[in-house]
Amino acid sequence: MILSDREILMEIGSRRLRFTPAIGDYQISPSSLDLLLSNEFTVFKPQTPGVETILDLEKIPNLDEFLRSHGKVITIPDGDYLTLHPGDFVLAYTREFVEMPNYLAARVEGRSSYARIGVSVHQTASTIHATFRGQIRLEISHVGPLDCRLYPGERICQMVIERLSSPAERSLTSQFQQQQEI
């Protein structure tokens, strides 16, 4: 069952569902909460002309290490912006560090205002598992026809929180557990 605004606030108030920094009242909607865009973006280096680079996830033991070697982290100060051009793909984090209890899971969804201009905020990995701890990494792509600006601190996505039918027995074991900006 999807949590209502009242239930979201109760879970946050109980400190079982945690966000650092704290969620502002303006981020709460009737059945979701908005998360803010952080200041760090990973942009990918262009492919070297004449050198074939093929991604094969079966042969990449550490995805973060691979991303660091093929991408460049840039920091955009508050008040400034990153311009996304049609066809661009960047990685970014939410500003919030999230701590999920063992009885809640969530989905991260884009916001309709971005979708209507061709910006997708989360490609396919929208599930935030019970017991997840970390900043949420966003896979942002732009398929619209015009350049678009992304501002750190803006409401970039929404988190829809659901109660599990029973608490999870296992804790999340994932290479993305405890992920956060470097």
N, C-alpha and C. Protein backbone atom coordinates (compact mmCIF):
# COMPACT_ATOMS: atom_id res chain seq x y z
N MET A 1 0.83 -1.16 0.00
CA MET A 1 0.00 0.00 0.00
C MET A 1 0.89 1.25 0.00
N ILE A 2 0.56 2.21 -0.84
CA ILE A 2 1.30 3.47 -0.93
C ILE A 2 0.96 4.33 0.28
N LEU A 3 1.98 4.93 0.89
CA LEU A 3 1.77 5.78 2.06
C LEU A 3 1.21 7.14 1.65
N SER A 4 0.32 7.66 2.45
CA SER A 4 -0.22 9.01 2.26
C SER A 4 0.74 10.02 2.90
N ASP A 5 0.48 11.28 2.66
CA ASP A 5 1.29 12.33 3.27
C ASP A 5 1.31 12.19 4.79
N ARG A 6 0.17 11.89 5.39
CA ARG A 6 0.08 11.73 6.84
C ARG A 6 0.99 10.59 7.32
N GLU A 7 0.96 9.45 6.62
CA GLU A 7 1.79 8.31 7.01
C GLU A 7 3.28 8.59 6.78
N ILE A 8 3.59 9.29 5.69
CA ILE A 8 5.00 9.66 5.43
C ILE A 8 5.52 10.52 6.58
N LEU A 9 4.73 11.51 6.97
CA LEU A 9 5.15 12.39 8.08
C LEU A 9 5.27 11.62 9.39
N MET A 10 4.39 10.65 9.62
CA MET A 10 4.48 9.83 10.84
C MET A 10 5.77 9.01 10.83
N GLU A 11 6.11 8.41 9.70
CA GLU A 11 7.33 7.60 9.61
C GLU A 11 8.57 8.46 9.80
N ILE A 12 8.57 9.65 9.21
CA ILE A 12 9.70 10.56 9.39
C ILE A 12 9.77 11.01 10.85
N GLY A 13 8.62 11.34 11.44
CA GLY A 13 8.57 11.78 12.83
C GLY A 13 9.04 10.71 13.80
N SER A 14 8.81 9.44 13.48
CA SER A 14 9.24 8.34 14.34
C SER A 14 10.73 8.06 14.22
N ARG A 15 11.38 8.65 13.21
CA ARG A 15 12.81 8.46 12.91
C ARG A 15 13.11 7.07 12.38
N ARG A 16 12.09 6.31 11.98
CA ARG A 16 12.34 5.02 11.35
C ARG A 16 12.66 5.20 9.87
N LEU A 17 12.08 6.21 9.24
CA LEU A 17 12.40 6.63 7.87
C LEU A 17 13.14 7.94 8.01
N ARG A 18 14.40 7.97 7.53
CA ARG A 18 15.24 9.14 7.78
C ARG A 18 15.75 9.76 6.47
N PHE A 19 15.83 11.07 6.50
CA PHE A 19 16.40 11.84 5.40
C PHE A 19 17.36 12.87 5.98
N THR A 20 18.56 12.93 5.41
CA THR A 20 19.54 13.92 5.81
C THR A 20 20.04 14.61 4.54
N PRO A 21 19.83 15.93 4.39
CA PRO A 21 19.14 16.82 5.30
C PRO A 21 17.66 16.50 5.39
N ALA A 22 17.02 17.07 6.40
CA ALA A 22 15.60 16.80 6.64
C ALA A 22 14.75 17.27 5.45
N ILE A 23 13.65 16.56 5.23
CA ILE A 23 12.69 16.91 4.18
C ILE A 23 11.91 18.15 4.62
N GLY A 24 11.79 19.12 3.71
CA GLY A 24 11.00 20.32 3.99
C GLY A 24 9.53 20.06 3.70
N ASP A 25 8.65 20.81 4.34
CA ASP A 25 7.22 20.64 4.15
C ASP A 25 6.81 20.79 2.68
N TYR A 26 7.50 21.67 1.94
CA TYR A 26 7.19 21.89 0.53
C TYR A 26 7.50 20.67 -0.34
N GLN A 27 8.23 19.71 0.20
CA GLN A 27 8.59 18.51 -0.56
C GLN A 27 7.54 17.40 -0.43
N ILE A 28 6.58 17.55 0.47
CA ILE A 28 5.57 16.52 0.72
C ILE A 28 4.35 16.75 -0.18
N SER A 29 3.95 15.70 -0.89
CA SER A 29 2.74 15.70 -1.71
C SER A 29 1.73 14.75 -1.09
N PRO A 30 0.52 14.65 -1.61
CA PRO A 30 -0.48 13.76 -0.99
C PRO A 30 -0.05 12.30 -0.91
N SER A 31 0.73 11.80 -1.88
CA SER A 31 1.11 10.38 -1.85
C SER A 31 2.56 10.15 -2.27
N SER A 32 3.41 11.15 -2.10
CA SER A 32 4.84 11.00 -2.39
C SER A 32 5.58 12.15 -1.73
N LEU A 33 6.89 12.13 -1.87
CA LEU A 33 7.68 13.27 -1.46
C LEU A 33 8.72 13.55 -2.53
N ASP A 34 9.04 14.82 -2.71
CA ASP A 34 10.01 15.22 -3.72
C ASP A 34 11.41 15.19 -3.13
N LEU A 35 12.37 14.77 -3.95
CA LEU A 35 13.77 14.79 -3.56
C LEU A 35 14.49 15.84 -4.40
N LEU A 36 15.56 16.38 -3.84
CA LEU A 36 16.27 17.49 -4.46
C LEU A 36 17.53 17.02 -5.17
N LEU A 37 17.91 17.75 -6.18
CA LEU A 37 19.10 17.44 -6.98
C LEU A 37 20.34 17.93 -6.25
N SER A 38 21.36 17.07 -6.19
CA SER A 38 22.62 17.45 -5.54
C SER A 38 23.44 18.34 -6.48
N ASN A 39 24.65 18.66 -6.05
CA ASN A 39 25.53 19.54 -6.82
C ASN A 39 26.50 18.80 -7.73
N GLU A 40 26.64 17.49 -7.55
CA GLU A 40 27.63 16.74 -8.33
C GLU A 40 26.97 15.96 -9.45
N PHE A 41 27.59 16.02 -10.61
CA PHE A 41 27.13 15.32 -11.80
C PHE A 41 28.30 14.54 -12.39
N THR A 42 28.00 13.35 -12.88
CA THR A 42 29.01 12.60 -13.63
C THR A 42 28.63 12.71 -15.10
N VAL A 43 29.51 13.33 -15.86
CA VAL A 43 29.32 13.43 -17.31
C VAL A 43 30.32 12.49 -17.95
N PHE A 44 29.94 11.88 -19.04
CA PHE A 44 30.80 10.88 -19.67
C PHE A 44 31.73 11.50 -20.69
N LYS A 45 32.97 11.01 -20.67
CA LYS A 45 33.96 11.47 -21.63
C LYS A 45 33.55 10.96 -23.01
N PRO A 46 33.78 11.76 -24.06
CA PRO A 46 33.44 11.27 -25.39
C PRO A 46 34.33 10.09 -25.77
N GLN A 47 33.78 9.22 -26.57
CA GLN A 47 34.53 8.06 -27.03
C GLN A 47 35.69 8.53 -27.89
N THR A 48 36.87 7.93 -27.70
CA THR A 48 38.05 8.29 -28.48
C THR A 48 37.85 7.85 -29.93
N PRO A 49 38.01 8.79 -30.87
CA PRO A 49 37.85 8.41 -32.28
C PRO A 49 38.80 7.27 -32.67
N GLY A 50 38.27 6.29 -33.33
CA GLY A 50 39.06 5.15 -33.79
C GLY A 50 39.28 4.07 -32.75
N VAL A 51 38.84 4.31 -31.50
CA VAL A 51 39.01 3.31 -30.44
C VAL A 51 37.61 2.82 -30.07
N GLU A 52 37.40 1.53 -30.24
CA GLU A 52 36.09 0.96 -29.93
C GLU A 52 36.00 0.68 -28.43
N THR A 53 35.00 1.23 -27.80
CA THR A 53 34.75 0.97 -26.39
C THR A 53 33.38 0.32 -26.29
N ILE A 54 33.38 -0.91 -25.81
CA ILE A 54 32.13 -1.65 -25.67
C ILE A 54 31.93 -1.96 -24.19
N LEU A 55 30.75 -1.62 -23.67
CA LEU A 55 30.44 -1.90 -22.28
C LEU A 55 29.90 -3.32 -22.17
N ASP A 56 30.51 -4.11 -21.31
CA ASP A 56 30.08 -5.47 -21.05
C ASP A 56 30.03 -5.63 -19.54
N LEU A 57 28.84 -5.48 -18.96
CA LEU A 57 28.70 -5.51 -17.50
C LEU A 57 29.18 -6.82 -16.89
N GLU A 58 29.16 -7.90 -17.66
CA GLU A 58 29.66 -9.18 -17.14
C GLU A 58 31.16 -9.13 -16.87
N LYS A 59 31.86 -8.20 -17.54
CA LYS A 59 33.32 -8.13 -17.40
C LYS A 59 33.77 -6.90 -16.63
N ILE A 60 32.83 -6.21 -15.99
CA ILE A 60 33.18 -5.03 -15.19
C ILE A 60 32.93 -5.39 -13.72
N PRO A 61 33.99 -5.70 -12.96
CA PRO A 61 33.79 -6.13 -11.58
C PRO A 61 33.32 -5.01 -10.65
N ASN A 62 33.71 -3.77 -10.92
CA ASN A 62 33.34 -2.66 -10.04
C ASN A 62 32.80 -1.53 -10.90
N LEU A 63 31.49 -1.38 -10.92
CA LEU A 63 30.85 -0.40 -11.79
C LEU A 63 31.25 1.03 -11.42
N ASP A 64 31.33 1.36 -10.14
CA ASP A 64 31.72 2.72 -9.75
C ASP A 64 33.14 3.05 -10.24
N GLU A 65 34.05 2.11 -10.13
CA GLU A 65 35.42 2.32 -10.62
C GLU A 65 35.41 2.56 -12.13
N PHE A 66 34.62 1.77 -12.85
CA PHE A 66 34.50 1.94 -14.31
C PHE A 66 33.93 3.32 -14.64
N LEU A 67 32.89 3.74 -13.91
CA LEU A 67 32.29 5.04 -14.16
C LEU A 67 33.27 6.17 -13.90
N ARG A 68 34.10 6.02 -12.86
CA ARG A 68 35.10 7.04 -12.57
C ARG A 68 36.13 7.14 -13.69
N SER A 69 36.47 6.01 -14.31
CA SER A 69 37.49 6.05 -15.37
C SER A 69 36.92 6.54 -16.70
N HIS A 70 35.62 6.42 -16.92
CA HIS A 70 35.01 6.85 -18.18
C HIS A 70 34.16 8.10 -18.05
N GLY A 71 34.06 8.61 -16.84
CA GLY A 71 33.27 9.81 -16.60
C GLY A 71 34.08 10.85 -15.87
N LYS A 72 33.52 12.01 -15.78
CA LYS A 72 34.17 13.12 -15.09
C LYS A 72 33.14 13.72 -14.15
N VAL A 73 33.50 13.86 -12.87
CA VAL A 73 32.60 14.45 -11.89
C VAL A 73 32.80 15.96 -11.92
N ILE A 74 31.70 16.66 -12.08
CA ILE A 74 31.74 18.12 -12.03
C ILE A 74 30.80 18.58 -10.92
N THR A 75 31.18 19.67 -10.28
CA THR A 75 30.37 20.23 -9.20
C THR A 75 29.80 21.56 -9.68
N ILE A 76 28.49 21.68 -9.58
CA ILE A 76 27.78 22.90 -9.97
C ILE A 76 27.37 23.61 -8.68
N PRO A 77 27.82 24.85 -8.47
CA PRO A 77 27.44 25.56 -7.24
C PRO A 77 25.94 25.88 -7.21
N ASP A 78 25.40 26.00 -6.01
CA ASP A 78 24.01 26.44 -5.86
C ASP A 78 23.84 27.76 -6.61
N GLY A 79 22.71 27.91 -7.29
CA GLY A 79 22.44 29.11 -8.07
C GLY A 79 22.91 29.03 -9.50
N ASP A 80 23.81 28.10 -9.79
CA ASP A 80 24.28 27.88 -11.16
C ASP A 80 23.54 26.67 -11.72
N TYR A 81 23.84 26.24 -12.92
CA TYR A 81 23.10 25.14 -13.54
C TYR A 81 23.99 24.34 -14.47
N LEU A 82 23.54 23.15 -14.77
CA LEU A 82 24.13 22.28 -15.80
C LEU A 82 23.19 22.29 -16.98
N THR A 83 23.71 22.53 -18.16
CA THR A 83 22.87 22.50 -19.36
C THR A 83 22.89 21.10 -19.93
N LEU A 84 21.71 20.54 -20.11
CA LEU A 84 21.55 19.24 -20.78
C LEU A 84 21.16 19.52 -22.22
N HIS A 85 21.91 18.94 -23.14
CA HIS A 85 21.60 19.08 -24.55
C HIS A 85 20.83 17.83 -24.99
N PRO A 86 20.04 17.92 -26.05
CA PRO A 86 19.36 16.72 -26.54
C PRO A 86 20.37 15.59 -26.76
N GLY A 87 20.03 14.41 -26.24
CA GLY A 87 20.91 13.24 -26.36
C GLY A 87 21.88 13.07 -25.20
N ASP A 88 21.98 14.05 -24.29
CA ASP A 88 22.90 13.94 -23.15
C ASP A 88 22.41 12.92 -22.14
N PHE A 89 23.39 12.34 -21.43
CA PHE A 89 23.12 11.42 -20.34
C PHE A 89 24.09 11.76 -19.23
N VAL A 90 23.59 11.97 -18.02
CA VAL A 90 24.43 12.27 -16.86
C VAL A 90 23.94 11.46 -15.67
N LEU A 91 24.82 11.27 -14.72
CA LEU A 91 24.46 10.67 -13.44
C LEU A 91 24.50 11.78 -12.39
N ALA A 92 23.60 11.72 -11.45
CA ALA A 92 23.57 12.69 -10.35
C ALA A 92 22.99 11.98 -9.13
N TYR A 93 23.16 12.59 -7.99
CA TYR A 93 22.58 12.07 -6.76
C TYR A 93 21.45 13.00 -6.30
N THR A 94 20.60 12.44 -5.47
CA THR A 94 19.69 13.30 -4.73
C THR A 94 20.50 13.97 -3.64
N ARG A 95 20.05 15.09 -3.18
CA ARG A 95 20.74 15.80 -2.10
C ARG A 95 20.59 15.02 -0.79
N GLU A 96 19.47 14.32 -0.65
CA GLU A 96 19.16 13.61 0.60
C GLU A 96 19.85 12.25 0.69
N PHE A 97 20.36 11.96 1.86
CA PHE A 97 20.81 10.62 2.23
C PHE A 97 19.59 9.95 2.85
N VAL A 98 19.21 8.79 2.34
CA VAL A 98 17.97 8.12 2.74
C VAL A 98 18.30 6.88 3.57
N GLU A 99 17.52 6.64 4.63
CA GLU A 99 17.64 5.42 5.42
C GLU A 99 16.26 4.79 5.52
N MET A 100 16.09 3.63 4.86
CA MET A 100 14.80 2.94 4.82
C MET A 100 14.74 1.86 5.91
N PRO A 101 13.62 1.76 6.62
CA PRO A 101 13.46 0.66 7.58
C PRO A 101 13.18 -0.64 6.84
N ASN A 102 13.10 -1.73 7.57
CA ASN A 102 12.92 -3.05 6.94
C ASN A 102 11.48 -3.34 6.53
N TYR A 103 10.57 -2.44 6.76
CA TYR A 103 9.17 -2.69 6.39
C TYR A 103 8.64 -1.71 5.34
N LEU A 104 9.53 -0.84 4.82
CA LEU A 104 9.14 0.09 3.76
C LEU A 104 10.07 -0.06 2.56
N ALA A 105 9.52 0.10 1.38
CA ALA A 105 10.29 0.18 0.14
C ALA A 105 9.76 1.40 -0.61
N ALA A 106 10.43 1.78 -1.67
CA ALA A 106 9.98 2.97 -2.40
C ALA A 106 10.34 2.83 -3.87
N ARG A 107 9.70 3.67 -4.66
CA ARG A 107 10.04 3.82 -6.07
C ARG A 107 10.39 5.29 -6.30
N VAL A 108 11.40 5.51 -7.08
CA VAL A 108 11.75 6.88 -7.46
C VAL A 108 11.24 7.09 -8.88
N GLU A 109 10.46 8.13 -9.02
CA GLU A 109 9.84 8.44 -10.32
C GLU A 109 10.23 9.86 -10.71
N GLY A 110 10.25 10.10 -12.01
CA GLY A 110 10.48 11.45 -12.48
C GLY A 110 9.27 12.32 -12.20
N ARG A 111 9.44 13.60 -12.39
CA ARG A 111 8.33 14.54 -12.23
C ARG A 111 7.79 14.87 -13.61
N SER A 112 6.49 15.05 -13.71
CA SER A 112 5.85 15.24 -15.01
C SER A 112 6.36 16.49 -15.74
N SER A 113 6.73 17.53 -15.00
CA SER A 113 7.23 18.74 -15.67
C SER A 113 8.50 18.45 -16.45
N TYR A 114 9.36 17.57 -15.96
CA TYR A 114 10.56 17.19 -16.71
C TYR A 114 10.21 16.26 -17.86
N ALA A 115 9.34 15.32 -17.60
CA ALA A 115 8.96 14.36 -18.65
C ALA A 115 8.39 15.08 -19.87
N ARG A 116 7.64 16.13 -19.64
CA ARG A 116 6.99 16.85 -20.74
C ARG A 116 7.97 17.63 -21.62
N ILE A 117 9.20 17.81 -21.15
CA ILE A 117 10.21 18.45 -22.00
C ILE A 117 11.28 17.46 -22.45
N GLY A 118 11.05 16.16 -22.18
CA GLY A 118 11.95 15.12 -22.67
C GLY A 118 13.04 14.68 -21.74
N VAL A 119 12.97 15.08 -20.46
CA VAL A 119 14.01 14.70 -19.51
C VAL A 119 13.50 13.54 -18.65
N SER A 120 14.23 12.44 -18.72
CA SER A 120 13.93 11.25 -17.92
C SER A 120 14.90 11.23 -16.74
N VAL A 121 14.37 11.07 -15.55
CA VAL A 121 15.18 11.18 -14.35
C VAL A 121 15.68 9.82 -13.86
N HIS A 122 14.94 8.77 -14.12
CA HIS A 122 15.35 7.44 -13.68
C HIS A 122 15.05 6.47 -14.80
N GLN A 123 16.07 5.80 -15.30
CA GLN A 123 15.90 4.95 -16.46
C GLN A 123 15.05 3.70 -16.17
N THR A 124 15.61 2.79 -15.39
CA THR A 124 14.88 1.55 -15.12
C THR A 124 14.98 1.09 -13.67
N ALA A 125 15.95 1.57 -12.96
CA ALA A 125 16.22 1.06 -11.61
C ALA A 125 15.53 1.92 -10.57
N SER A 126 14.22 1.89 -10.54
CA SER A 126 13.49 2.81 -9.68
C SER A 126 13.25 2.30 -8.26
N THR A 127 13.55 1.04 -7.99
CA THR A 127 13.24 0.47 -6.67
C THR A 127 14.27 0.87 -5.62
N ILE A 128 13.77 1.36 -4.50
CA ILE A 128 14.59 1.61 -3.32
C ILE A 128 14.16 0.56 -2.31
N HIS A 129 15.03 -0.40 -2.07
CA HIS A 129 14.69 -1.56 -1.25
C HIS A 129 14.61 -1.22 0.23
N ALA A 130 13.86 -2.03 0.94
CA ALA A 130 13.86 -1.98 2.40
C ALA A 130 15.30 -2.12 2.87
N THR A 131 15.69 -1.42 3.89
CA THR A 131 17.01 -1.36 4.53
C THR A 131 18.07 -0.62 3.69
N PHE A 132 17.69 0.00 2.57
CA PHE A 132 18.65 0.80 1.80
C PHE A 132 19.10 1.99 2.63
N ARG A 133 20.39 2.30 2.52
CA ARG A 133 20.98 3.49 3.15
C ARG A 133 21.90 4.12 2.11
N GLY A 134 21.66 5.37 1.79
CA GLY A 134 22.54 6.07 0.86
C GLY A 134 21.82 7.18 0.13
N GLN A 135 22.57 7.87 -0.70
CA GLN A 135 21.97 8.84 -1.60
C GLN A 135 21.47 8.08 -2.81
N ILE A 136 20.41 8.54 -3.40
CA ILE A 136 19.84 7.86 -4.56
C ILE A 136 20.51 8.41 -5.81
N ARG A 137 21.06 7.51 -6.60
CA ARG A 137 21.74 7.89 -7.84
C ARG A 137 20.71 7.93 -8.95
N LEU A 138 20.70 9.01 -9.67
CA LEU A 138 19.74 9.21 -10.75
C LEU A 138 20.44 9.08 -12.10
N GLU A 139 19.78 8.44 -13.03
CA GLU A 139 20.28 8.30 -14.40
C GLU A 139 19.43 9.24 -15.25
N ILE A 140 19.98 10.40 -15.59
CA ILE A 140 19.21 11.45 -16.25
C ILE A 140 19.56 11.50 -17.73
N SER A 141 18.55 11.38 -18.56
CA SER A 141 18.78 11.50 -20.01
C SER A 141 17.80 12.51 -20.59
N HIS A 142 18.21 13.06 -21.72
CA HIS A 142 17.41 14.12 -22.34
C HIS A 142 17.14 13.75 -23.80
N VAL A 143 15.87 13.49 -24.10
CA VAL A 143 15.48 13.14 -25.47
C VAL A 143 14.62 14.23 -26.11
N GLY A 144 14.45 15.34 -25.42
CA GLY A 144 13.66 16.44 -25.97
C GLY A 144 14.44 17.21 -27.03
N PRO A 145 13.77 18.14 -27.70
CA PRO A 145 14.41 18.84 -28.81
C PRO A 145 15.22 20.09 -28.43
N LEU A 146 15.10 20.57 -27.17
CA LEU A 146 15.74 21.82 -26.78
C LEU A 146 16.65 21.62 -25.58
N ASP A 147 17.65 22.48 -25.45
CA ASP A 147 18.51 22.44 -24.27
C ASP A 147 17.67 22.66 -23.01
N CYS A 148 18.13 22.11 -21.90
CA CYS A 148 17.41 22.18 -20.62
C CYS A 148 18.43 22.43 -19.52
N ARG A 149 18.05 23.20 -18.53
CA ARG A 149 18.93 23.50 -17.40
C ARG A 149 18.51 22.71 -16.17
N LEU A 150 19.50 22.16 -15.48
CA LEU A 150 19.29 21.48 -14.21
C LEU A 150 19.98 22.29 -13.12
N TYR A 151 19.23 22.64 -12.08
CA TYR A 151 19.75 23.45 -10.98
C TYR A 151 19.89 22.60 -9.72
N PRO A 152 21.07 22.60 -9.10
CA PRO A 152 21.18 21.92 -7.80
C PRO A 152 20.15 22.48 -6.82
N GLY A 153 19.56 21.58 -6.05
CA GLY A 153 18.57 21.97 -5.05
C GLY A 153 17.15 21.98 -5.56
N GLU A 154 16.95 21.81 -6.89
CA GLU A 154 15.57 21.80 -7.39
C GLU A 154 14.95 20.43 -7.17
N ARG A 155 13.62 20.42 -7.12
CA ARG A 155 12.89 19.16 -6.93
C ARG A 155 12.98 18.40 -8.25
N ILE A 156 13.76 17.32 -8.26
CA ILE A 156 14.07 16.60 -9.49
C ILE A 156 13.26 15.32 -9.66
N CYS A 157 12.86 14.70 -8.56
CA CYS A 157 12.14 13.42 -8.66
C CYS A 157 11.22 13.28 -7.46
N GLN A 158 10.38 12.26 -7.52
CA GLN A 158 9.49 12.00 -6.39
C GLN A 158 9.68 10.56 -5.92
N MET A 159 9.52 10.38 -4.65
CA MET A 159 9.67 9.07 -4.02
C MET A 159 8.30 8.62 -3.53
N VAL A 160 7.84 7.49 -4.07
CA VAL A 160 6.58 6.90 -3.69
C VAL A 160 6.91 5.76 -2.72
N ILE A 161 6.42 5.86 -1.49
CA ILE A 161 6.80 4.91 -0.43
C ILE A 161 5.68 3.92 -0.21
N GLU A 162 6.06 2.66 -0.08
CA GLU A 162 5.08 1.58 0.10
C GLU A 162 5.44 0.74 1.32
N ARG A 163 4.40 0.26 1.99
CA ARG A 163 4.58 -0.62 3.15
C ARG A 163 4.62 -2.06 2.64
N LEU A 164 5.61 -2.83 3.11
CA LEU A 164 5.70 -4.25 2.75
C LEU A 164 4.61 -5.02 3.48
N SER A 165 4.20 -6.15 2.93
CA SER A 165 3.18 -6.96 3.59
C SER A 165 3.69 -7.54 4.91
N SER A 166 4.99 -7.71 5.04
CA SER A 166 5.63 -8.08 6.30
C SER A 166 7.06 -7.55 6.24
N PRO A 167 7.67 -7.31 7.39
CA PRO A 167 9.04 -6.78 7.39
C PRO A 167 10.01 -7.74 6.69
N ALA A 168 10.99 -7.17 6.00
CA ALA A 168 12.01 -7.99 5.34
C ALA A 168 12.89 -8.65 6.39
N GLU A 169 13.25 -9.90 6.15
CA GLU A 169 14.15 -10.61 7.06
C GLU A 169 15.61 -10.33 6.74
N ARG A 170 15.89 -10.07 5.47
CA ARG A 170 17.27 -9.86 5.03
C ARG A 170 17.55 -8.37 4.87
N SER A 171 18.79 -8.00 5.14
CA SER A 171 19.22 -6.64 4.86
C SER A 171 19.73 -6.60 3.42
N LEU A 172 19.63 -5.44 2.82
CA LEU A 172 20.08 -5.27 1.44
C LEU A 172 21.58 -5.46 1.35
N THR A 173 22.02 -6.31 0.44
CA THR A 173 23.44 -6.45 0.13
C THR A 173 23.58 -6.07 -1.33
N SER A 174 24.20 -4.96 -1.57
CA SER A 174 24.32 -4.41 -2.92
C SER A 174 25.55 -3.53 -2.99
N GLN A 175 26.14 -3.46 -4.18
CA GLN A 175 27.28 -2.56 -4.34
C GLN A 175 26.87 -1.10 -4.19
N PHE A 176 25.54 -0.83 -4.23
CA PHE A 176 25.05 0.53 -4.13
C PHE A 176 24.62 0.93 -2.72
N GLN A 177 24.67 -0.04 -1.78
CA GLN A 177 24.36 0.26 -0.39
C GLN A 177 25.41 1.23 0.14
N GLN A 178 25.00 2.24 0.87
CA GLN A 178 25.86 3.28 1.43
C GLN A 178 26.44 4.23 0.37
N GLN A 179 25.88 4.20 -0.87
CA GLN A 179 26.44 5.08 -1.90
C GLN A 179 26.18 6.53 -1.56
N GLN A 180 27.15 7.37 -1.91
CA GLN A 180 26.98 8.80 -1.73
C GLN A 180 28.05 9.51 -2.53
N GLU A 181 27.82 10.82 -2.69
CA GLU A 181 28.78 11.63 -3.44
C GLU A 181 30.15 11.48 -2.83
N ILE A 182 31.13 11.55 -3.65
CA ILE A 182 32.52 11.41 -3.17
C ILE A 182 33.03 12.74 -2.68
